[in-house]
Amino acid sequence: MTSATKTLVPTIATIIEAFDETPDVKTFRVKIDDETAAAAFKQRPGQVAELSVFGAGESVISITSSPTQTEYLEFSIKRCGVVTDYIHTMGAGDKLGIRGPYGNGFPVESWKGKNLIIIGGGIGLAPVRSVLNYAIDNRDDFGHITLVYGARSPEDLVFKWEYERWGAVKDLDMNITVDCGDDKWSGKVGFVPTILKEVAPLPENAIALTCGPPIMIKFVLQDLAEMNFAPEQKVTTLEGKMQCCVGLCGRCNIGSLFICKDGPVFTLAELNSLNGDF
């Protein structure tokens, strides 16, 4: 079997835990069955995997756990199609196919010593959570961390079980917001770009990474520009455009790039170089 063929053959993994994040998002903790395959699965923050359900198909899912978590892989999955609907019916002990990891991931090694501004919306927090927890687990390698995260409502916020831990981390400014609050909500109310402007992070020695709904990303990037963040300092991930993950299907082709092979993580400077193709 060639190395190219191996990348297309899933290995078997077992769900060891599954729990609800929101009414339509569940987090799955997954462990690869074969010890050799598990040891070879070394992901970087921001990489993805193909998860397959026998008889239903496969779907590209971001790996939301940090590489510093070695006991299992975490995938936070929004129910939005045939495969994800099926995965949502699964639980501890059920089997999945998994192949990967794929993509370039976030270049966290080159960000050592820098301040991190992490901006997420809805399920878009899942890909950048891997960077957040990586930076927390390697806290002395990074400067100040600013988190701005929002969702439509309190019940749509993901990873609520981590907020207390994140809030206790030194030099971490956590800003959680919702578009519309309820009687029990005592936090911020407002769209993510609005809260970002209130927080007003400084661009000096900083990297800003964002993931979420396209309209949110559009305004976040504009606001960061007004704060004098250079295109090279603004980073996003386009894994939602990926399908086969190995550059064969052509679904993620943009200009001269294949998102699955050249990305999915890009700086705004790299995206601007596509001359309108993006």
C-alpha atoms as a PDB file:
ATOM      1  CA  MET A   1       0.000   0.000   0.000  1.00  0.00           C
ATOM      2  CA  THR A   2       1.447   3.370  -0.994  1.00  0.00           C
ATOM      3  CA  SER A   3       1.578   6.336   1.380  1.00  0.00           C
ATOM      4  CA  ALA A   4      -0.968   8.118  -0.843  1.00  0.00           C
ATOM      5  CA  THR A   5      -3.366   5.203  -0.471  1.00  0.00           C
ATOM      6  CA  LYS A   6      -2.859   5.068   3.281  1.00  0.00           C
ATOM      7  CA  THR A   7      -4.087   8.642   3.650  1.00  0.00           C
ATOM      8  CA  LEU A   8      -7.452   7.561   2.222  1.00  0.00           C
ATOM      9  CA  VAL A   9      -7.946   4.501   4.432  1.00  0.00           C
ATOM     10  CA  PRO A  10      -9.676   5.235   7.753  1.00  0.00           C
ATOM     11  CA  THR A  11      -8.571   3.574  10.945  1.00  0.00           C
ATOM     12  CA  ILE A  12     -11.125   2.526  13.549  1.00  0.00           C
ATOM     13  CA  ALA A  13     -11.740   4.642  16.629  1.00  0.00           C
ATOM     14  CA  THR A  14     -14.063   4.295  19.604  1.00  0.00           C
ATOM     15  CA  ILE A  15     -16.197   7.018  21.136  1.00  0.00           C
ATOM     16  CA  ILE A  16     -15.359   7.010  24.846  1.00  0.00           C
ATOM     17  CA  GLU A  17     -17.642   9.902  25.827  1.00  0.00           C
ATOM     18  CA  ALA A  18     -20.276  12.120  24.202  1.00  0.00           C
ATOM     19  CA  PHE A  19     -22.120  15.062  25.706  1.00  0.00           C
ATOM     20  CA  ASP A  20     -24.289  17.976  24.640  1.00  0.00           C
ATOM     21  CA  GLU A  21     -22.832  21.454  24.261  1.00  0.00           C
ATOM     22  CA  THR A  22     -25.969  23.085  22.809  1.00  0.00           C
ATOM     23  CA  PRO A  23     -29.249  21.794  21.333  1.00  0.00           C
ATOM     24  CA  ASP A  24     -27.442  21.074  18.041  1.00  0.00           C
ATOM     25  CA  VAL A  25     -23.774  20.653  19.039  1.00  0.00           C
ATOM     26  CA  LYS A  26     -22.247  17.634  20.774  1.00  0.00           C
ATOM     27  CA  THR A  27     -18.671  17.000  21.826  1.00  0.00           C
ATOM     28  CA  PHE A  28     -17.227  13.537  21.253  1.00  0.00           C
ATOM     29  CA  ARG A  29     -14.110  12.175  22.906  1.00  0.00           C
ATOM     30  CA  VAL A  30     -12.604   9.581  20.622  1.00  0.00           C
ATOM     31  CA  LYS A  31      -9.738   7.143  21.002  1.00  0.00           C
ATOM     32  CA  ILE A  32      -8.072   5.377  18.074  1.00  0.00           C
ATOM     33  CA  ASP A  33      -8.185   1.624  18.663  1.00  0.00           C
ATOM     34  CA  ASP A  34      -4.837   0.603  17.185  1.00  0.00           C
ATOM     35  CA  GLU A  35      -1.966   1.770  19.403  1.00  0.00           C
ATOM     36  CA  THR A  36       0.440   2.205  16.479  1.00  0.00           C
ATOM     37  CA  ALA A  37      -2.077   4.272  14.515  1.00  0.00           C
ATOM     38  CA  ALA A  38      -2.870   6.315  17.621  1.00  0.00           C
ATOM     39  CA  ALA A  39       0.805   7.077  18.198  1.00  0.00           C
ATOM     40  CA  ALA A  40       1.196   8.122  14.553  1.00  0.00           C
ATOM     41  CA  PHE A  41      -1.773  10.518  14.735  1.00  0.00           C
ATOM     42  CA  LYS A  42       0.080  13.676  15.768  1.00  0.00           C
ATOM     43  CA  GLN A  43      -2.013  16.768  15.147  1.00  0.00           C
ATOM     44  CA  ARG A  44      -1.218  20.457  15.275  1.00  0.00           C
ATOM     45  CA  PRO A  45      -3.720  23.029  16.550  1.00  0.00           C
ATOM     46  CA  GLY A  46      -6.102  23.858  13.713  1.00  0.00           C
ATOM     47  CA  GLN A  47      -5.816  20.594  11.809  1.00  0.00           C
ATOM     48  CA  VAL A  48      -8.842  18.504  10.848  1.00  0.00           C
ATOM     49  CA  ALA A  49      -9.802  14.854  10.507  1.00  0.00           C
ATOM     50  CA  GLU A  50     -12.214  12.973   8.281  1.00  0.00           C
ATOM     51  CA  LEU A  51     -14.730  11.130  10.435  1.00  0.00           C
ATOM     52  CA  SER A  52     -16.682   8.371   8.729  1.00  0.00           C
ATOM     53  CA  VAL A  53     -19.880   6.594   9.669  1.00  0.00           C
ATOM     54  CA  PHE A  54     -20.299   3.196   8.101  1.00  0.00           C
ATOM     55  CA  GLY A  55     -23.098   3.299   5.546  1.00  0.00           C
ATOM     56  CA  ALA A  56     -23.604   7.070   5.843  1.00  0.00           C
ATOM     57  CA  GLY A  57     -20.412   8.740   4.592  1.00  0.00           C
ATOM     58  CA  GLU A  58     -17.670  10.933   5.988  1.00  0.00           C
ATOM     59  CA  SER A  59     -17.325  14.550   7.043  1.00  0.00           C
ATOM     60  CA  VAL A  60     -14.454  16.966   7.668  1.00  0.00           C
ATOM     61  CA  ILE A  61     -14.383  17.927  11.350  1.00  0.00           C
ATOM     62  CA  SER A  62     -11.909  20.204  13.119  1.00  0.00           C
ATOM     63  CA  ILE A  63      -9.934  18.656  15.957  1.00  0.00           C
ATOM     64  CA  THR A  64     -10.904  20.866  18.860  1.00  0.00           C
ATOM     65  CA  SER A  65      -8.612  19.300  21.443  1.00  0.00           C
ATOM     66  CA  SER A  66      -5.054  20.529  21.881  1.00  0.00           C
ATOM     67  CA  PRO A  67      -2.113  18.259  21.019  1.00  0.00           C
ATOM     68  CA  THR A  68      -1.263  18.539  24.711  1.00  0.00           C
ATOM     69  CA  GLN A  69      -4.321  16.354  25.400  1.00  0.00           C
ATOM     70  CA  THR A  70      -2.949  12.894  24.647  1.00  0.00           C
ATOM     71  CA  GLU A  71      -5.595  10.611  26.184  1.00  0.00           C
ATOM     72  CA  TYR A  72      -8.182  11.202  23.452  1.00  0.00           C
ATOM     73  CA  LEU A  73      -9.197  13.435  20.543  1.00  0.00           C
ATOM     74  CA  GLU A  74     -12.109  15.834  20.893  1.00  0.00           C
ATOM     75  CA  PHE A  75     -14.525  16.770  18.118  1.00  0.00           C
ATOM     76  CA  SER A  76     -17.348  19.252  18.668  1.00  0.00           C
ATOM     77  CA  ILE A  77     -19.888  18.579  15.939  1.00  0.00           C
ATOM     78  CA  LYS A  78     -22.846  20.666  14.836  1.00  0.00           C
ATOM     79  CA  ARG A  79     -25.775  18.707  13.444  1.00  0.00           C
ATOM     80  CA  CYS A  80     -26.090  19.964   9.874  1.00  0.00           C
ATOM     81  CA  GLY A  81     -26.335  17.036   7.437  1.00  0.00           C
ATOM     82  CA  VAL A  82     -26.653  13.295   6.918  1.00  0.00           C
ATOM     83  CA  VAL A  83     -23.320  12.296   8.457  1.00  0.00           C
ATOM     84  CA  THR A  84     -23.431  14.700  11.387  1.00  0.00           C
ATOM     85  CA  ASP A  85     -27.063  13.784  12.081  1.00  0.00           C
ATOM     86  CA  TYR A  86     -25.999  10.150  12.333  1.00  0.00           C
ATOM     87  CA  ILE A  87     -23.000  10.934  14.542  1.00  0.00           C
ATOM     88  CA  HIS A  88     -25.329  12.755  16.932  1.00  0.00           C
ATOM     89  CA  THR A  89     -27.146   9.456  17.552  1.00  0.00           C
ATOM     90  CA  MET A  90     -23.908   7.762  18.621  1.00  0.00           C
ATOM     91  CA  GLY A  91     -22.448   7.431  22.079  1.00  0.00           C
ATOM     92  CA  ALA A  92     -19.817   5.757  24.220  1.00  0.00           C
ATOM     93  CA  GLY A  93     -18.683   2.442  22.766  1.00  0.00           C
ATOM     94  CA  ASP A  94     -19.737   3.201  19.187  1.00  0.00           C
ATOM     95  CA  LYS A  95     -17.175   2.982  16.384  1.00  0.00           C
ATOM     96  CA  LEU A  96     -16.125   5.637  13.870  1.00  0.00           C
ATOM     97  CA  GLY A  97     -13.672   5.682  11.008  1.00  0.00           C
ATOM     98  CA  ILE A  98     -10.995   8.370  11.206  1.00  0.00           C
ATOM     99  CA  ARG A  99      -8.279   9.519   8.852  1.00  0.00           C
ATOM    100  CA  GLY A 100      -5.878  12.407   9.096  1.00  0.00           C
ATOM    101  CA  PRO A 101      -4.750  14.722  10.501  1.00  0.00           C
ATOM    102  CA  TYR A 102      -4.971  17.071   7.523  1.00  0.00           C
ATOM    103  CA  GLY A 103      -4.091  20.678   6.827  1.00  0.00           C
ATOM    104  CA  ASN A 104      -1.304  22.993   7.871  1.00  0.00           C
ATOM    105  CA  GLY A 105      -2.723  24.027  11.242  1.00  0.00           C
ATOM    106  CA  PHE A 106      -1.909  27.195  13.145  1.00  0.00           C
ATOM    107  CA  PRO A 107       1.850  27.991  13.274  1.00  0.00           C
ATOM    108  CA  VAL A 108       1.928  28.192  17.065  1.00  0.00           C
ATOM    109  CA  GLU A 109       5.696  27.657  17.230  1.00  0.00           C
ATOM    110  CA  SER A 110       6.277  30.938  15.382  1.00  0.00           C
ATOM    111  CA  TRP A 111       3.884  32.742  17.746  1.00  0.00           C
ATOM    112  CA  LYS A 112       5.948  32.141  20.863  1.00  0.00           C
ATOM    113  CA  GLY A 113       6.326  35.348  22.855  1.00  0.00           C
ATOM    114  CA  LYS A 114       3.394  37.004  21.087  1.00  0.00           C
ATOM    115  CA  ASN A 115       0.077  38.189  22.469  1.00  0.00           C
ATOM    116  CA  LEU A 116      -2.866  36.155  21.162  1.00  0.00           C
ATOM    117  CA  ILE A 117      -6.291  37.553  20.328  1.00  0.00           C
ATOM    118  CA  ILE A 118      -8.703  34.658  19.782  1.00  0.00           C
ATOM    119  CA  ILE A 119     -12.079  35.574  18.280  1.00  0.00           C
ATOM    120  CA  GLY A 120     -14.830  33.013  17.748  1.00  0.00           C
ATOM    121  CA  GLY A 121     -18.499  32.893  16.888  1.00  0.00           C
ATOM    122  CA  GLY A 122     -20.853  29.958  17.482  1.00  0.00           C
ATOM    123  CA  ILE A 123     -19.335  26.603  16.597  1.00  0.00           C
ATOM    124  CA  GLY A 124     -16.409  28.596  15.151  1.00  0.00           C
ATOM    125  CA  LEU A 125     -14.805  28.496  18.581  1.00  0.00           C
ATOM    126  CA  ALA A 126     -14.062  24.786  18.074  1.00  0.00           C
ATOM    127  CA  PRO A 127     -11.065  25.136  15.695  1.00  0.00           C
ATOM    128  CA  VAL A 128      -9.454  27.998  17.639  1.00  0.00           C
ATOM    129  CA  ARG A 129     -10.088  26.337  21.015  1.00  0.00           C
ATOM    130  CA  SER A 130      -7.212  24.015  20.136  1.00  0.00           C
ATOM    131  CA  VAL A 131      -4.911  27.066  20.057  1.00  0.00           C
ATOM    132  CA  LEU A 132      -6.378  28.488  23.261  1.00  0.00           C
ATOM    133  CA  ASN A 133      -5.821  25.308  25.256  1.00  0.00           C
ATOM    134  CA  TYR A 134      -2.400  24.790  23.677  1.00  0.00           C
ATOM    135  CA  ALA A 135      -1.378  28.284  24.782  1.00  0.00           C
ATOM    136  CA  ILE A 136      -2.794  27.691  28.274  1.00  0.00           C
ATOM    137  CA  ASP A 137      -0.904  24.403  28.590  1.00  0.00           C
ATOM    138  CA  ASN A 138       2.274  26.173  27.407  1.00  0.00           C
ATOM    139  CA  ARG A 139       1.472  29.413  29.218  1.00  0.00           C
ATOM    140  CA  ASP A 140       5.028  30.721  29.574  1.00  0.00           C
ATOM    141  CA  ASP A 141       5.560  30.550  25.799  1.00  0.00           C
ATOM    142  CA  PHE A 142       2.962  33.225  25.017  1.00  0.00           C
ATOM    143  CA  GLY A 143       2.111  36.756  26.071  1.00  0.00           C
ATOM    144  CA  HIS A 144      -1.289  38.113  27.005  1.00  0.00           C
ATOM    145  CA  ILE A 145      -4.311  36.153  25.735  1.00  0.00           C
ATOM    146  CA  THR A 146      -7.568  37.874  24.812  1.00  0.00           C
ATOM    147  CA  LEU A 147     -10.640  35.751  24.096  1.00  0.00           C
ATOM    148  CA  VAL A 148     -13.727  37.258  22.479  1.00  0.00           C
ATOM    149  CA  TYR A 149     -16.446  34.683  21.880  1.00  0.00           C
ATOM    150  CA  GLY A 150     -20.135  34.981  21.178  1.00  0.00           C
ATOM    151  CA  ALA A 151     -23.223  33.075  20.101  1.00  0.00           C
ATOM    152  CA  ARG A 152     -26.851  33.846  19.329  1.00  0.00           C
ATOM    153  CA  SER A 153     -28.112  33.041  22.814  1.00  0.00           C
ATOM    154  CA  PRO A 154     -26.817  31.639  26.119  1.00  0.00           C
ATOM    155  CA  GLU A 155     -27.930  28.118  25.182  1.00  0.00           C
ATOM    156  CA  ASP A 156     -25.914  28.344  21.938  1.00  0.00           C
ATOM    157  CA  LEU A 157     -22.595  28.972  23.715  1.00  0.00           C
ATOM    158  CA  VAL A 158     -20.203  26.027  23.470  1.00  0.00           C
ATOM    159  CA  PHE A 159     -17.620  24.855  26.026  1.00  0.00           C
ATOM    160  CA  LYS A 160     -19.408  26.515  28.953  1.00  0.00           C
ATOM    161  CA  TRP A 161     -17.853  23.860  31.189  1.00  0.00           C
ATOM    162  CA  GLU A 162     -14.407  25.377  30.456  1.00  0.00           C
ATOM    163  CA  TYR A 163     -15.158  29.039  31.198  1.00  0.00           C
ATOM    164  CA  GLU A 164     -14.265  28.837  34.889  1.00  0.00           C
ATOM    165  CA  ARG A 165     -10.903  27.234  34.115  1.00  0.00           C
ATOM    166  CA  TRP A 166     -10.121  29.722  31.353  1.00  0.00           C
ATOM    167  CA  GLY A 167     -11.092  32.635  33.581  1.00  0.00           C
ATOM    168  CA  ALA A 168      -8.581  31.526  36.220  1.00  0.00           C
ATOM    169  CA  VAL A 169      -5.609  31.543  33.820  1.00  0.00           C
ATOM    170  CA  LYS A 170      -3.131  34.355  34.402  1.00  0.00           C
ATOM    171  CA  ASP A 171      -3.082  37.176  31.834  1.00  0.00           C
ATOM    172  CA  LEU A 172      -6.162  35.842  30.044  1.00  0.00           C
ATOM    173  CA  ASP A 173      -8.936  38.350  29.359  1.00  0.00           C
ATOM    174  CA  MET A 174     -12.138  36.407  28.656  1.00  0.00           C
ATOM    175  CA  ASN A 175     -15.078  38.148  26.982  1.00  0.00           C
ATOM    176  CA  ILE A 176     -18.189  36.026  26.417  1.00  0.00           C
ATOM    177  CA  THR A 177     -21.183  37.633  24.718  1.00  0.00           C
ATOM    178  CA  VAL A 178     -24.562  36.725  23.246  1.00  0.00           C
ATOM    179  CA  ASP A 179     -26.651  38.436  20.594  1.00  0.00           C
ATOM    180  CA  CYS A 180     -29.738  38.221  22.819  1.00  0.00           C
ATOM    181  CA  GLY A 181     -29.702  37.411  26.525  1.00  0.00           C
ATOM    182  CA  ASP A 182     -32.396  35.869  28.710  1.00  0.00           C
ATOM    183  CA  ASP A 183     -33.576  36.301  32.296  1.00  0.00           C
ATOM    184  CA  LYS A 184     -30.674  34.240  33.627  1.00  0.00           C
ATOM    185  CA  TRP A 185     -27.918  35.837  31.522  1.00  0.00           C
ATOM    186  CA  SER A 186     -25.708  38.341  33.365  1.00  0.00           C
ATOM    187  CA  GLY A 187     -22.871  38.571  30.853  1.00  0.00           C
ATOM    188  CA  LYS A 188     -22.217  40.796  27.873  1.00  0.00           C
ATOM    189  CA  VAL A 189     -24.856  41.341  25.193  1.00  0.00           C
ATOM    190  CA  GLY A 190     -23.782  42.352  21.699  1.00  0.00           C
ATOM    191  CA  PHE A 191     -22.339  41.041  18.461  1.00  0.00           C
ATOM    192  CA  VAL A 192     -18.754  39.779  18.528  1.00  0.00           C
ATOM    193  CA  PRO A 193     -17.361  42.657  16.384  1.00  0.00           C
ATOM    194  CA  THR A 194     -18.999  45.179  18.730  1.00  0.00           C
ATOM    195  CA  ILE A 195     -17.433  43.572  21.800  1.00  0.00           C
ATOM    196  CA  LEU A 196     -14.087  43.343  19.999  1.00  0.00           C
ATOM    197  CA  LYS A 197     -14.122  47.112  19.458  1.00  0.00           C
ATOM    198  CA  GLU A 198     -14.912  47.638  23.138  1.00  0.00           C
ATOM    199  CA  VAL A 199     -12.025  45.398  24.191  1.00  0.00           C
ATOM    200  CA  ALA A 200      -9.742  47.138  21.646  1.00  0.00           C
ATOM    201  CA  PRO A 201      -6.709  44.822  21.759  1.00  0.00           C
ATOM    202  CA  LEU A 202      -3.404  46.399  20.763  1.00  0.00           C
ATOM    203  CA  PRO A 203      -1.647  45.208  17.587  1.00  0.00           C
ATOM    204  CA  GLU A 204       1.906  45.432  18.915  1.00  0.00           C
ATOM    205  CA  ASN A 205       3.547  41.995  19.061  1.00  0.00           C
ATOM    206  CA  ALA A 206       0.149  40.348  18.519  1.00  0.00           C
ATOM    207  CA  ILE A 207      -1.573  37.737  16.384  1.00  0.00           C
ATOM    208  CA  ALA A 208      -5.348  37.762  15.918  1.00  0.00           C
ATOM    209  CA  LEU A 209      -7.060  34.548  14.848  1.00  0.00           C
ATOM    210  CA  THR A 210     -10.742  34.232  14.097  1.00  0.00           C
ATOM    211  CA  CYS A 211     -13.292  31.637  13.073  1.00  0.00           C
ATOM    212  CA  GLY A 212     -17.065  31.835  12.890  1.00  0.00           C
ATOM    213  CA  PRO A 213     -19.893  32.819  10.552  1.00  0.00           C
ATOM    214  CA  PRO A 214     -18.587  34.517   7.374  1.00  0.00           C
ATOM    215  CA  ILE A 215     -20.396  37.773   8.147  1.00  0.00           C
ATOM    216  CA  MET A 216     -18.769  37.880  11.585  1.00  0.00           C
ATOM    217  CA  ILE A 217     -15.331  37.248  10.122  1.00  0.00           C
ATOM    218  CA  LYS A 218     -15.866  40.027   7.563  1.00  0.00           C
ATOM    219  CA  PHE A 219     -16.548  42.642  10.228  1.00  0.00           C
ATOM    220  CA  VAL A 220     -13.916  41.295  12.619  1.00  0.00           C
ATOM    221  CA  LEU A 221     -11.239  41.666   9.941  1.00  0.00           C
ATOM    222  CA  GLN A 222     -12.431  45.192   9.163  1.00  0.00           C
ATOM    223  CA  ASP A 223     -12.372  46.147  12.836  1.00  0.00           C
ATOM    224  CA  LEU A 224      -8.891  44.703  13.293  1.00  0.00           C
ATOM    225  CA  ALA A 225      -7.716  46.790  10.342  1.00  0.00           C
ATOM    226  CA  GLU A 226      -9.077  49.900  12.066  1.00  0.00           C
ATOM    227  CA  MET A 227      -7.046  48.872  15.125  1.00  0.00           C
ATOM    228  CA  ASN A 228      -3.925  48.836  12.885  1.00  0.00           C
ATOM    229  CA  PHE A 229      -3.490  45.077  12.715  1.00  0.00           C
ATOM    230  CA  ALA A 230      -1.524  44.287   9.544  1.00  0.00           C
ATOM    231  CA  PRO A 231      -2.828  41.604   7.139  1.00  0.00           C
ATOM    232  CA  GLU A 232       0.032  39.338   8.251  1.00  0.00           C
ATOM    233  CA  GLN A 233      -1.242  39.534  11.842  1.00  0.00           C
ATOM    234  CA  LYS A 234      -4.781  38.384  11.003  1.00  0.00           C
ATOM    235  CA  VAL A 235      -5.344  34.650  10.663  1.00  0.00           C
ATOM    236  CA  THR A 236      -8.416  32.562   9.858  1.00  0.00           C
ATOM    237  CA  THR A 237      -9.233  28.985   8.921  1.00  0.00           C
ATOM    238  CA  LEU A 238     -11.277  27.783   5.947  1.00  0.00           C
ATOM    239  CA  GLU A 239     -11.758  24.103   6.800  1.00  0.00           C
ATOM    240  CA  GLY A 240     -15.437  24.407   5.963  1.00  0.00           C
ATOM    241  CA  LYS A 241     -14.488  24.349   2.278  1.00  0.00           C
ATOM    242  CA  MET A 242     -12.627  21.027   2.554  1.00  0.00           C
ATOM    243  CA  GLN A 243     -14.003  17.675   1.427  1.00  0.00           C
ATOM    244  CA  CYS A 244     -11.519  14.952   0.418  1.00  0.00           C
ATOM    245  CA  CYS A 245      -8.601  16.539   2.334  1.00  0.00           C
ATOM    246  CA  VAL A 246      -5.986  15.233  -0.111  1.00  0.00           C
ATOM    247  CA  GLY A 247      -6.319  17.580  -3.100  1.00  0.00           C
ATOM    248  CA  LEU A 248      -8.187  15.179  -5.395  1.00  0.00           C
ATOM    249  CA  CYS A 249     -11.815  16.305  -5.485  1.00  0.00           C
ATOM    250  CA  GLY A 250     -11.178  19.966  -6.358  1.00  0.00           C
ATOM    251  CA  ARG A 251     -13.999  21.208  -4.127  1.00  0.00           C
ATOM    252  CA  CYS A 252     -11.710  23.465  -2.095  1.00  0.00           C
ATOM    253  CA  ASN A 253      -9.756  24.952  -5.005  1.00  0.00           C
ATOM    254  CA  ILE A 254      -9.465  28.753  -4.821  1.00  0.00           C
ATOM    255  CA  GLY A 255      -7.267  30.347  -7.455  1.00  0.00           C
ATOM    256  CA  SER A 256      -3.972  28.449  -7.407  1.00  0.00           C
ATOM    257  CA  LEU A 257      -4.550  27.020  -3.938  1.00  0.00           C
ATOM    258  CA  PHE A 258      -6.131  23.891  -2.536  1.00  0.00           C
ATOM    259  CA  ILE A 259      -7.477  24.707   0.914  1.00  0.00           C
ATOM    260  CA  CYS A 260      -6.863  21.139   2.096  1.00  0.00           C
ATOM    261  CA  LYS A 261      -3.213  21.063   1.018  1.00  0.00           C
ATOM    262  CA  ASP A 262      -2.142  24.715   1.303  1.00  0.00           C
ATOM    263  CA  GLY A 263      -4.407  25.547   4.265  1.00  0.00           C
ATOM    264  CA  PRO A 264      -6.895  25.592   5.826  1.00  0.00           C
ATOM    265  CA  VAL A 265      -5.125  28.231   7.930  1.00  0.00           C
ATOM    266  CA  PHE A 266      -4.240  31.438   6.100  1.00  0.00           C
ATOM    267  CA  THR A 267      -3.239  34.963   6.981  1.00  0.00           C
ATOM    268  CA  LEU A 268      -5.289  37.746   5.443  1.00  0.00           C
ATOM    269  CA  ALA A 269      -2.183  38.692   3.463  1.00  0.00           C
ATOM    270  CA  GLU A 270      -2.201  35.257   1.831  1.00  0.00           C
ATOM    271  CA  LEU A 271      -5.914  35.497   1.032  1.00  0.00           C
ATOM    272  CA  ASN A 272      -5.467  38.989  -0.407  1.00  0.00           C
ATOM    273  CA  SER A 273      -2.857  37.599  -2.815  1.00  0.00           C
ATOM    274  CA  LEU A 274      -5.557  35.535  -4.553  1.00  0.00           C
ATOM    275  CA  ASN A 275      -6.572  38.655  -6.511  1.00  0.00           C
ATOM    276  CA  GLY A 276     -10.317  38.330  -6.064  1.00  0.00           C
ATOM    277  CA  ASP A 277     -10.573  34.547  -6.460  1.00  0.00           C
ATOM    278  CA  PHE A 278     -11.441  34.298  -2.773  1.00  0.00           C
END
